[in-house]
């Protein structure tokens, strides 16, 4: 049985949470030595509780911290191609335990203000306590943000739509557009064509017809709730905006499958 079929079977049997908890325990044991070494070498780096880290990324302290810094630098490079990074309001939508946003003030600075929001109360509580120079807010799963209309110059969401239902894609995208300023840009990552190898035959058939593929049967927004995004679906989602870039990244490793990156501009 391949992984896709096993995943769907575990959902049907209501065992997906249990299986994911076992995976967390395995990763924690596997990374114990490396994580202890990282803490020894970086005693002043604030690290979130292990499960918060795992839930949004994986159980490796070095990858969480250094990987987050690398992504922050990469995002800054993408932003600079389309907007001047000076005195801007920048929002991390779905920030989790701050893997990326914690680095943004030092990577960008230049008079910018930084905001972050997430539906996980524990993540927001931890971030608010440990990560300075960022304004954190908690949102709900419902598409509603605590920001005024046209208040953000840049919004990014890394692997957030990948855990939402089809209706929530439209609800949340409309909400993000509401708070984005005219001529502001939005960067979003999706499960694109690189993830076709992870689909069952039935899922692949729908995907190739341009239909969003969703693996649900669990709490929406959880890491095991998965959505896969054919290009036609995403283009329809973004039809009220201008698509500036669509990047299909490649990887030389079999263990990591890169998500597509979409950059759009609000009229």
C-alpha atoms as a PDB file:
ATOM      1  CA  UNK A   1       0.000   0.000   0.000  1.00  0.00           C
ATOM      2  CA  UNK A   2       1.458   3.391  -0.979  1.00  0.00           C
ATOM      3  CA  UNK A   3       1.578   6.386   1.361  1.00  0.00           C
ATOM      4  CA  UNK A   4      -1.376   8.168  -0.239  1.00  0.00           C
ATOM      5  CA  UNK A   5      -3.695   5.184   0.182  1.00  0.00           C
ATOM      6  CA  UNK A   6      -2.428   4.586   3.728  1.00  0.00           C
ATOM      7  CA  UNK A   7      -3.070   8.225   4.613  1.00  0.00           C
ATOM      8  CA  UNK A   8      -6.649   8.053   3.331  1.00  0.00           C
ATOM      9  CA  UNK A   9      -7.256   4.764   5.155  1.00  0.00           C
ATOM     10  CA  UNK A  10      -6.023   6.233   8.445  1.00  0.00           C
ATOM     11  CA  UNK A  11      -8.428   9.145   7.972  1.00  0.00           C
ATOM     12  CA  UNK A  12     -11.342   6.790   7.385  1.00  0.00           C
ATOM     13  CA  UNK A  13     -10.450   4.861  10.549  1.00  0.00           C
ATOM     14  CA  UNK A  14     -10.007   8.074  12.584  1.00  0.00           C
ATOM     15  CA  UNK A  15      -6.399   7.092  13.286  1.00  0.00           C
ATOM     16  CA  UNK A  16      -4.598   9.914  11.488  1.00  0.00           C
ATOM     17  CA  UNK A  17      -4.002  11.953  14.670  1.00  0.00           C
ATOM     18  CA  UNK A  18      -2.618   8.908  16.448  1.00  0.00           C
ATOM     19  CA  UNK A  19      -0.337   8.105  13.520  1.00  0.00           C
ATOM     20  CA  UNK A  20       0.873  11.700  13.388  1.00  0.00           C
ATOM     21  CA  UNK A  21       1.610  11.640  17.128  1.00  0.00           C
ATOM     22  CA  UNK A  22       3.713   8.505  16.633  1.00  0.00           C
ATOM     23  CA  UNK A  23       5.581  10.287  13.827  1.00  0.00           C
ATOM     24  CA  UNK A  24       6.247  13.208  16.176  1.00  0.00           C
ATOM     25  CA  UNK A  25       7.668  10.849  18.825  1.00  0.00           C
ATOM     26  CA  UNK A  26       9.888   9.158  16.258  1.00  0.00           C
ATOM     27  CA  UNK A  27      11.207  12.477  14.967  1.00  0.00           C
ATOM     28  CA  UNK A  28      11.854  13.671  18.508  1.00  0.00           C
ATOM     29  CA  UNK A  29      13.950  10.596  19.282  1.00  0.00           C
ATOM     30  CA  UNK A  30      15.705  10.720  15.918  1.00  0.00           C
ATOM     31  CA  UNK A  31      16.721  14.363  16.395  1.00  0.00           C
ATOM     32  CA  UNK A  32      17.483  14.206  20.122  1.00  0.00           C
ATOM     33  CA  UNK A  33      21.271  14.311  19.794  1.00  0.00           C
ATOM     34  CA  UNK A  34      21.343  16.984  17.079  1.00  0.00           C
ATOM     35  CA  UNK A  35      18.825  19.129  18.959  1.00  0.00           C
ATOM     36  CA  UNK A  36      20.812  18.900  22.187  1.00  0.00           C
ATOM     37  CA  UNK A  37      23.922  19.990  20.293  1.00  0.00           C
ATOM     38  CA  UNK A  38      22.094  22.959  18.768  1.00  0.00           C
ATOM     39  CA  UNK A  39      20.875  24.112  22.190  1.00  0.00           C
ATOM     40  CA  UNK A  40      24.406  23.812  23.559  1.00  0.00           C
ATOM     41  CA  UNK A  41      25.841  25.890  20.718  1.00  0.00           C
ATOM     42  CA  UNK A  42      23.003  28.460  20.758  1.00  0.00           C
ATOM     43  CA  UNK A  43      21.921  28.851  24.412  1.00  0.00           C
ATOM     44  CA  UNK A  44      20.316  32.255  23.781  1.00  0.00           C
ATOM     45  CA  UNK A  45      18.052  31.171  20.915  1.00  0.00           C
ATOM     46  CA  UNK A  46      14.439  30.956  22.080  1.00  0.00           C
ATOM     47  CA  UNK A  47      12.869  27.729  20.824  1.00  0.00           C
ATOM     48  CA  UNK A  48       9.143  26.903  20.890  1.00  0.00           C
ATOM     49  CA  UNK A  49       7.829  23.755  22.600  1.00  0.00           C
ATOM     50  CA  UNK A  50       8.657  20.663  20.569  1.00  0.00           C
ATOM     51  CA  UNK A  51       5.148  19.845  19.360  1.00  0.00           C
ATOM     52  CA  UNK A  52       4.482  23.436  18.270  1.00  0.00           C
ATOM     53  CA  UNK A  53       7.642  23.269  16.207  1.00  0.00           C
ATOM     54  CA  UNK A  54       6.749  19.886  14.743  1.00  0.00           C
ATOM     55  CA  UNK A  55       3.170  20.872  13.985  1.00  0.00           C
ATOM     56  CA  UNK A  56       4.265  23.695  11.705  1.00  0.00           C
ATOM     57  CA  UNK A  57       7.493  22.262  10.349  1.00  0.00           C
ATOM     58  CA  UNK A  58       9.562  19.372  11.711  1.00  0.00           C
ATOM     59  CA  UNK A  59      11.391  18.314  14.872  1.00  0.00           C
ATOM     60  CA  UNK A  60      14.856  19.669  14.120  1.00  0.00           C
ATOM     61  CA  UNK A  61      16.000  22.796  15.946  1.00  0.00           C
ATOM     62  CA  UNK A  62      18.680  23.697  13.402  1.00  0.00           C
ATOM     63  CA  UNK A  63      16.290  23.392  10.480  1.00  0.00           C
ATOM     64  CA  UNK A  64      13.668  25.405  12.352  1.00  0.00           C
ATOM     65  CA  UNK A  65      16.013  28.277  13.144  1.00  0.00           C
ATOM     66  CA  UNK A  66      18.551  28.343  10.292  1.00  0.00           C
ATOM     67  CA  UNK A  67      15.985  27.151   7.774  1.00  0.00           C
ATOM     68  CA  UNK A  68      13.629  29.920   8.854  1.00  0.00           C
ATOM     69  CA  UNK A  69      16.394  32.471   8.346  1.00  0.00           C
ATOM     70  CA  UNK A  70      17.090  31.149   4.851  1.00  0.00           C
ATOM     71  CA  UNK A  71      13.410  31.355   3.908  1.00  0.00           C
ATOM     72  CA  UNK A  72      13.180  34.906   5.301  1.00  0.00           C
ATOM     73  CA  UNK A  73      16.120  35.955   3.125  1.00  0.00           C
ATOM     74  CA  UNK A  74      14.624  34.245   0.077  1.00  0.00           C
ATOM     75  CA  UNK A  75      11.257  35.926   0.610  1.00  0.00           C
ATOM     76  CA  UNK A  76      12.942  39.292   0.979  1.00  0.00           C
ATOM     77  CA  UNK A  77      14.585  38.719  -2.394  1.00  0.00           C
ATOM     78  CA  UNK A  78      11.252  37.872  -4.001  1.00  0.00           C
ATOM     79  CA  UNK A  79       9.605  40.969  -2.479  1.00  0.00           C
ATOM     80  CA  UNK A  80      12.349  43.316  -3.709  1.00  0.00           C
ATOM     81  CA  UNK A  81      11.666  42.323  -7.304  1.00  0.00           C
ATOM     82  CA  UNK A  82       8.154  43.777  -7.102  1.00  0.00           C
ATOM     83  CA  UNK A  83       8.029  46.396  -4.328  1.00  0.00           C
ATOM     84  CA  UNK A  84      10.400  48.735  -2.512  1.00  0.00           C
ATOM     85  CA  UNK A  85      11.108  47.391   0.962  1.00  0.00           C
ATOM     86  CA  UNK A  86      10.976  50.677   2.846  1.00  0.00           C
ATOM     87  CA  UNK A  87       8.395  51.758   5.440  1.00  0.00           C
ATOM     88  CA  UNK A  88       6.102  48.873   4.556  1.00  0.00           C
ATOM     89  CA  UNK A  89       3.593  46.874   6.635  1.00  0.00           C
ATOM     90  CA  UNK A  90       4.411  43.170   6.238  1.00  0.00           C
ATOM     91  CA  UNK A  91       2.103  40.362   7.409  1.00  0.00           C
ATOM     92  CA  UNK A  92       2.944  36.704   7.988  1.00  0.00           C
ATOM     93  CA  UNK A  93      -0.419  34.922   7.604  1.00  0.00           C
ATOM     94  CA  UNK A  94      -0.281  31.611   9.464  1.00  0.00           C
ATOM     95  CA  UNK A  95       2.981  32.312  11.271  1.00  0.00           C
ATOM     96  CA  UNK A  96       2.930  29.203  13.489  1.00  0.00           C
ATOM     97  CA  UNK A  97       5.724  29.356  16.110  1.00  0.00           C
ATOM     98  CA  UNK A  98       7.492  32.177  14.266  1.00  0.00           C
ATOM     99  CA  UNK A  99       9.944  30.179  12.152  1.00  0.00           C
ATOM    100  CA  UNK A 100      10.123  32.875   9.445  1.00  0.00           C
ATOM    101  CA  UNK A 101       8.735  36.087  10.925  1.00  0.00           C
ATOM    102  CA  UNK A 102      11.216  36.045  13.834  1.00  0.00           C
ATOM    103  CA  UNK A 103      13.996  36.801  11.310  1.00  0.00           C
ATOM    104  CA  UNK A 104      12.185  39.420   9.232  1.00  0.00           C
ATOM    105  CA  UNK A 105      13.000  42.508  11.363  1.00  0.00           C
ATOM    106  CA  UNK A 106      16.737  41.832  11.046  1.00  0.00           C
ATOM    107  CA  UNK A 107      16.596  40.666   7.409  1.00  0.00           C
ATOM    108  CA  UNK A 108      14.497  43.585   6.100  1.00  0.00           C
ATOM    109  CA  UNK A 109      14.248  46.366   8.741  1.00  0.00           C
ATOM    110  CA  UNK A 110      14.386  49.683   6.765  1.00  0.00           C
ATOM    111  CA  UNK A 111      11.482  51.245   8.607  1.00  0.00           C
ATOM    112  CA  UNK A 112       9.110  48.325   7.988  1.00  0.00           C
ATOM    113  CA  UNK A 113       6.503  47.167  10.497  1.00  0.00           C
ATOM    114  CA  UNK A 114       5.959  43.448  11.003  1.00  0.00           C
ATOM    115  CA  UNK A 115       2.726  41.645  11.823  1.00  0.00           C
ATOM    116  CA  UNK A 116       1.877  37.975  12.256  1.00  0.00           C
ATOM    117  CA  UNK A 117      -1.302  36.011  12.817  1.00  0.00           C
ATOM    118  CA  UNK A 118      -2.254  32.381  13.406  1.00  0.00           C
ATOM    119  CA  UNK A 119      -5.262  30.392  14.606  1.00  0.00           C
ATOM    120  CA  UNK A 120      -3.186  28.401  17.113  1.00  0.00           C
ATOM    121  CA  UNK A 121      -3.431  30.156  20.484  1.00  0.00           C
ATOM    122  CA  UNK A 122      -0.385  28.344  21.865  1.00  0.00           C
ATOM    123  CA  UNK A 123       1.755  29.520  18.956  1.00  0.00           C
ATOM    124  CA  UNK A 124       0.613  33.128  19.291  1.00  0.00           C
ATOM    125  CA  UNK A 125       1.119  33.087  23.075  1.00  0.00           C
ATOM    126  CA  UNK A 126       4.658  31.746  22.687  1.00  0.00           C
ATOM    127  CA  UNK A 127       5.570  34.141  19.880  1.00  0.00           C
ATOM    128  CA  UNK A 128       4.183  37.168  21.724  1.00  0.00           C
ATOM    129  CA  UNK A 129       6.301  36.320  24.757  1.00  0.00           C
ATOM    130  CA  UNK A 130       9.578  35.448  23.012  1.00  0.00           C
ATOM    131  CA  UNK A 131       9.831  37.297  19.670  1.00  0.00           C
ATOM    132  CA  UNK A 132      10.220  41.103  19.874  1.00  0.00           C
ATOM    133  CA  UNK A 133       9.551  43.809  17.264  1.00  0.00           C
ATOM    134  CA  UNK A 134       6.559  41.963  15.816  1.00  0.00           C
ATOM    135  CA  UNK A 135       2.846  42.521  16.443  1.00  0.00           C
ATOM    136  CA  UNK A 136       1.163  39.140  16.911  1.00  0.00           C
ATOM    137  CA  UNK A 137      -2.578  38.514  16.694  1.00  0.00           C
ATOM    138  CA  UNK A 138      -4.685  35.396  17.001  1.00  0.00           C
ATOM    139  CA  UNK A 139      -7.306  34.691  14.349  1.00  0.00           C
ATOM    140  CA  UNK A 140      -9.891  31.928  14.077  1.00  0.00           C
ATOM    141  CA  UNK A 141     -10.297  29.342  11.338  1.00  0.00           C
ATOM    142  CA  UNK A 142     -13.060  31.602  10.021  1.00  0.00           C
ATOM    143  CA  UNK A 143     -11.726  34.001   7.389  1.00  0.00           C
ATOM    144  CA  UNK A 144     -11.524  37.132   9.512  1.00  0.00           C
ATOM    145  CA  UNK A 145      -8.399  39.121  10.343  1.00  0.00           C
ATOM    146  CA  UNK A 146      -8.068  41.877  12.993  1.00  0.00           C
ATOM    147  CA  UNK A 147      -6.694  44.434  10.536  1.00  0.00           C
ATOM    148  CA  UNK A 148      -8.239  47.398   8.733  1.00  0.00           C
ATOM    149  CA  UNK A 149      -9.002  47.452   5.023  1.00  0.00           C
ATOM    150  CA  UNK A 150      -6.001  48.247   2.821  1.00  0.00           C
ATOM    151  CA  UNK A 151      -3.573  48.158   5.724  1.00  0.00           C
ATOM    152  CA  UNK A 152      -0.816  45.769   4.530  1.00  0.00           C
ATOM    153  CA  UNK A 153       1.719  46.318   1.754  1.00  0.00           C
ATOM    154  CA  UNK A 154       2.969  42.728   1.708  1.00  0.00           C
ATOM    155  CA  UNK A 155       1.307  39.490   2.844  1.00  0.00           C
ATOM    156  CA  UNK A 156       2.915  36.072   2.708  1.00  0.00           C
ATOM    157  CA  UNK A 157       1.513  32.673   3.628  1.00  0.00           C
ATOM    158  CA  UNK A 158       3.822  29.671   3.509  1.00  0.00           C
ATOM    159  CA  UNK A 159       1.958  26.360   3.273  1.00  0.00           C
ATOM    160  CA  UNK A 160      -1.323  27.698   4.677  1.00  0.00           C
ATOM    161  CA  UNK A 161      -3.717  27.121   1.779  1.00  0.00           C
ATOM    162  CA  UNK A 162      -2.248  23.608   1.742  1.00  0.00           C
ATOM    163  CA  UNK A 163      -4.363  22.849   4.836  1.00  0.00           C
ATOM    164  CA  UNK A 164      -7.710  24.403   3.908  1.00  0.00           C
ATOM    165  CA  UNK A 165     -10.938  23.256   2.241  1.00  0.00           C
ATOM    166  CA  UNK A 166     -12.042  24.588  -1.132  1.00  0.00           C
ATOM    167  CA  UNK A 167     -14.563  27.057   0.277  1.00  0.00           C
ATOM    168  CA  UNK A 168     -11.989  28.329   2.752  1.00  0.00           C
ATOM    169  CA  UNK A 169      -9.616  29.033  -0.135  1.00  0.00           C
ATOM    170  CA  UNK A 170     -12.076  31.563  -1.519  1.00  0.00           C
ATOM    171  CA  UNK A 171     -13.104  32.918   1.881  1.00  0.00           C
ATOM    172  CA  UNK A 172      -9.546  33.457   3.037  1.00  0.00           C
ATOM    173  CA  UNK A 173      -8.265  34.842  -0.245  1.00  0.00           C
ATOM    174  CA  UNK A 174     -11.013  37.467  -0.226  1.00  0.00           C
ATOM    175  CA  UNK A 175     -10.112  38.363   3.346  1.00  0.00           C
ATOM    176  CA  UNK A 176      -6.430  38.683   2.500  1.00  0.00           C
ATOM    177  CA  UNK A 177      -7.312  40.939  -0.428  1.00  0.00           C
ATOM    178  CA  UNK A 178      -9.396  43.074   1.915  1.00  0.00           C
ATOM    179  CA  UNK A 179      -6.431  43.931   4.138  1.00  0.00           C
ATOM    180  CA  UNK A 180      -3.898  44.193   1.288  1.00  0.00           C
ATOM    181  CA  UNK A 181      -3.332  47.696  -0.055  1.00  0.00           C
ATOM    182  CA  UNK A 182      -3.924  48.475  -3.742  1.00  0.00           C
ATOM    183  CA  UNK A 183      -0.683  47.666  -5.598  1.00  0.00           C
ATOM    184  CA  UNK A 184       0.359  45.557  -2.622  1.00  0.00           C
ATOM    185  CA  UNK A 185       1.801  42.101  -3.227  1.00  0.00           C
ATOM    186  CA  UNK A 186       0.995  38.691  -1.838  1.00  0.00           C
ATOM    187  CA  UNK A 187       3.243  35.605  -1.860  1.00  0.00           C
ATOM    188  CA  UNK A 188       1.648  32.211  -1.281  1.00  0.00           C
ATOM    189  CA  UNK A 189       2.972  28.661  -1.500  1.00  0.00           C
ATOM    190  CA  UNK A 190       0.899  25.729  -2.774  1.00  0.00           C
ATOM    191  CA  UNK A 191       1.059  21.965  -3.333  1.00  0.00           C
ATOM    192  CA  UNK A 192       1.513  22.109  -7.115  1.00  0.00           C
ATOM    193  CA  UNK A 193       2.558  19.643  -9.794  1.00  0.00           C
ATOM    194  CA  UNK A 194       5.557  18.412  -7.786  1.00  0.00           C
ATOM    195  CA  UNK A 195       3.068  16.735  -5.447  1.00  0.00           C
ATOM    196  CA  UNK A 196       1.286  14.723  -8.141  1.00  0.00           C
ATOM    197  CA  UNK A 197       3.516  11.793  -7.188  1.00  0.00           C
ATOM    198  CA  UNK A 198       1.814  11.741  -3.788  1.00  0.00           C
ATOM    199  CA  UNK A 199      -1.734  11.407  -5.147  1.00  0.00           C
ATOM    200  CA  UNK A 200      -3.826   8.295  -5.582  1.00  0.00           C
ATOM    201  CA  UNK A 201      -5.132   7.475  -9.064  1.00  0.00           C
ATOM    202  CA  UNK A 202      -8.554   8.927  -8.232  1.00  0.00           C
ATOM    203  CA  UNK A 203      -7.024  12.077  -6.759  1.00  0.00           C
ATOM    204  CA  UNK A 204      -4.707  12.477  -9.739  1.00  0.00           C
ATOM    205  CA  UNK A 205      -7.650  12.194 -12.120  1.00  0.00           C
ATOM    206  CA  UNK A 206      -9.421  15.090 -10.379  1.00  0.00           C
ATOM    207  CA  UNK A 207      -6.198  17.085 -10.165  1.00  0.00           C
ATOM    208  CA  UNK A 208      -5.571  16.737 -13.893  1.00  0.00           C
ATOM    209  CA  UNK A 209      -9.095  18.067 -14.516  1.00  0.00           C
ATOM    210  CA  UNK A 210      -8.146  21.254 -12.660  1.00  0.00           C
ATOM    211  CA  UNK A 211     -10.016  20.347  -9.469  1.00  0.00           C
ATOM    212  CA  UNK A 212      -8.659  21.067  -6.015  1.00  0.00           C
ATOM    213  CA  UNK A 213      -7.860  17.785  -4.227  1.00  0.00           C
ATOM    214  CA  UNK A 214      -8.545  17.773  -0.495  1.00  0.00           C
ATOM    215  CA  UNK A 215      -7.744  15.113   2.086  1.00  0.00           C
ATOM    216  CA  UNK A 216      -9.971  15.978   5.011  1.00  0.00           C
ATOM    217  CA  UNK A 217     -11.913  13.909   7.562  1.00  0.00           C
ATOM    218  CA  UNK A 218      -9.965  15.726  10.300  1.00  0.00           C
ATOM    219  CA  UNK A 219      -9.802  19.193  11.809  1.00  0.00           C
ATOM    220  CA  UNK A 220      -9.317  21.765   9.069  1.00  0.00           C
ATOM    221  CA  UNK A 221      -6.051  23.636   9.388  1.00  0.00           C
ATOM    222  CA  UNK A 222      -4.214  20.749  11.060  1.00  0.00           C
ATOM    223  CA  UNK A 223      -0.928  19.658   9.490  1.00  0.00           C
ATOM    224  CA  UNK A 224      -2.496  16.378   8.316  1.00  0.00           C
ATOM    225  CA  UNK A 225      -5.365  18.169   6.505  1.00  0.00           C
ATOM    226  CA  UNK A 226      -4.006  18.472   2.967  1.00  0.00           C
ATOM    227  CA  UNK A 227      -4.979  20.294  -0.221  1.00  0.00           C
ATOM    228  CA  UNK A 228      -3.331  19.964  -3.647  1.00  0.00           C
ATOM    229  CA  UNK A 229      -3.500  22.797  -6.170  1.00  0.00           C
ATOM    230  CA  UNK A 230      -3.653  22.369  -9.964  1.00  0.00           C
ATOM    231  CA  UNK A 231      -2.660  25.472 -11.900  1.00  0.00           C
ATOM    232  CA  UNK A 232      -6.169  25.993 -13.323  1.00  0.00           C
ATOM    233  CA  UNK A 233      -7.706  26.130  -9.846  1.00  0.00           C
ATOM    234  CA  UNK A 234      -5.146  28.632  -8.572  1.00  0.00           C
ATOM    235  CA  UNK A 235      -5.538  30.861 -11.628  1.00  0.00           C
ATOM    236  CA  UNK A 236      -9.296  30.947 -11.012  1.00  0.00           C
ATOM    237  CA  UNK A 237      -8.709  31.774  -7.336  1.00  0.00           C
ATOM    238  CA  UNK A 238      -6.445  34.674  -8.316  1.00  0.00           C
ATOM    239  CA  UNK A 239      -8.506  35.951 -11.258  1.00  0.00           C
ATOM    240  CA  UNK A 240      -9.232  39.328  -9.613  1.00  0.00           C
ATOM    241  CA  UNK A 241      -5.502  40.053  -9.305  1.00  0.00           C
ATOM    242  CA  UNK A 242      -2.391  40.174 -11.467  1.00  0.00           C
ATOM    243  CA  UNK A 243      -0.117  37.144 -11.271  1.00  0.00           C
ATOM    244  CA  UNK A 244       3.456  38.457 -11.188  1.00  0.00           C
ATOM    245  CA  UNK A 245       5.244  35.124 -10.849  1.00  0.00           C
ATOM    246  CA  UNK A 246       4.484  31.418 -10.666  1.00  0.00           C
ATOM    247  CA  UNK A 247       7.550  29.416  -9.679  1.00  0.00           C
ATOM    248  CA  UNK A 248       7.667  25.632  -9.824  1.00  0.00           C
ATOM    249  CA  UNK A 249      10.778  24.837  -7.808  1.00  0.00           C
ATOM    250  CA  UNK A 250      12.802  21.681  -8.268  1.00  0.00           C
ATOM    251  CA  UNK A 251      14.738  19.540  -5.807  1.00  0.00           C
ATOM    252  CA  UNK A 252      17.645  17.154  -6.148  1.00  0.00           C
ATOM    253  CA  UNK A 253      16.560  15.175  -3.090  1.00  0.00           C
ATOM    254  CA  UNK A 254      13.769  12.617  -2.865  1.00  0.00           C
ATOM    255  CA  UNK A 255      13.017  13.435   0.778  1.00  0.00           C
ATOM    256  CA  UNK A 256      11.876  17.012   0.144  1.00  0.00           C
ATOM    257  CA  UNK A 257       9.241  18.072  -2.372  1.00  0.00           C
ATOM    258  CA  UNK A 258       9.120  21.851  -2.981  1.00  0.00           C
ATOM    259  CA  UNK A 259       5.868  23.756  -3.129  1.00  0.00           C
ATOM    260  CA  UNK A 260       4.930  26.152  -5.924  1.00  0.00           C
ATOM    261  CA  UNK A 261       5.316  29.862  -5.193  1.00  0.00           C
ATOM    262  CA  UNK A 262       2.775  32.358  -6.487  1.00  0.00           C
ATOM    263  CA  UNK A 263       3.275  36.131  -6.299  1.00  0.00           C
ATOM    264  CA  UNK A 264       0.327  38.365  -7.130  1.00  0.00           C
ATOM    265  CA  UNK A 265      -0.483  42.067  -7.072  1.00  0.00           C
ATOM    266  CA  UNK A 266      -3.752  43.631  -5.964  1.00  0.00           C
ATOM    267  CA  UNK A 267      -5.149  46.090  -8.533  1.00  0.00           C
END
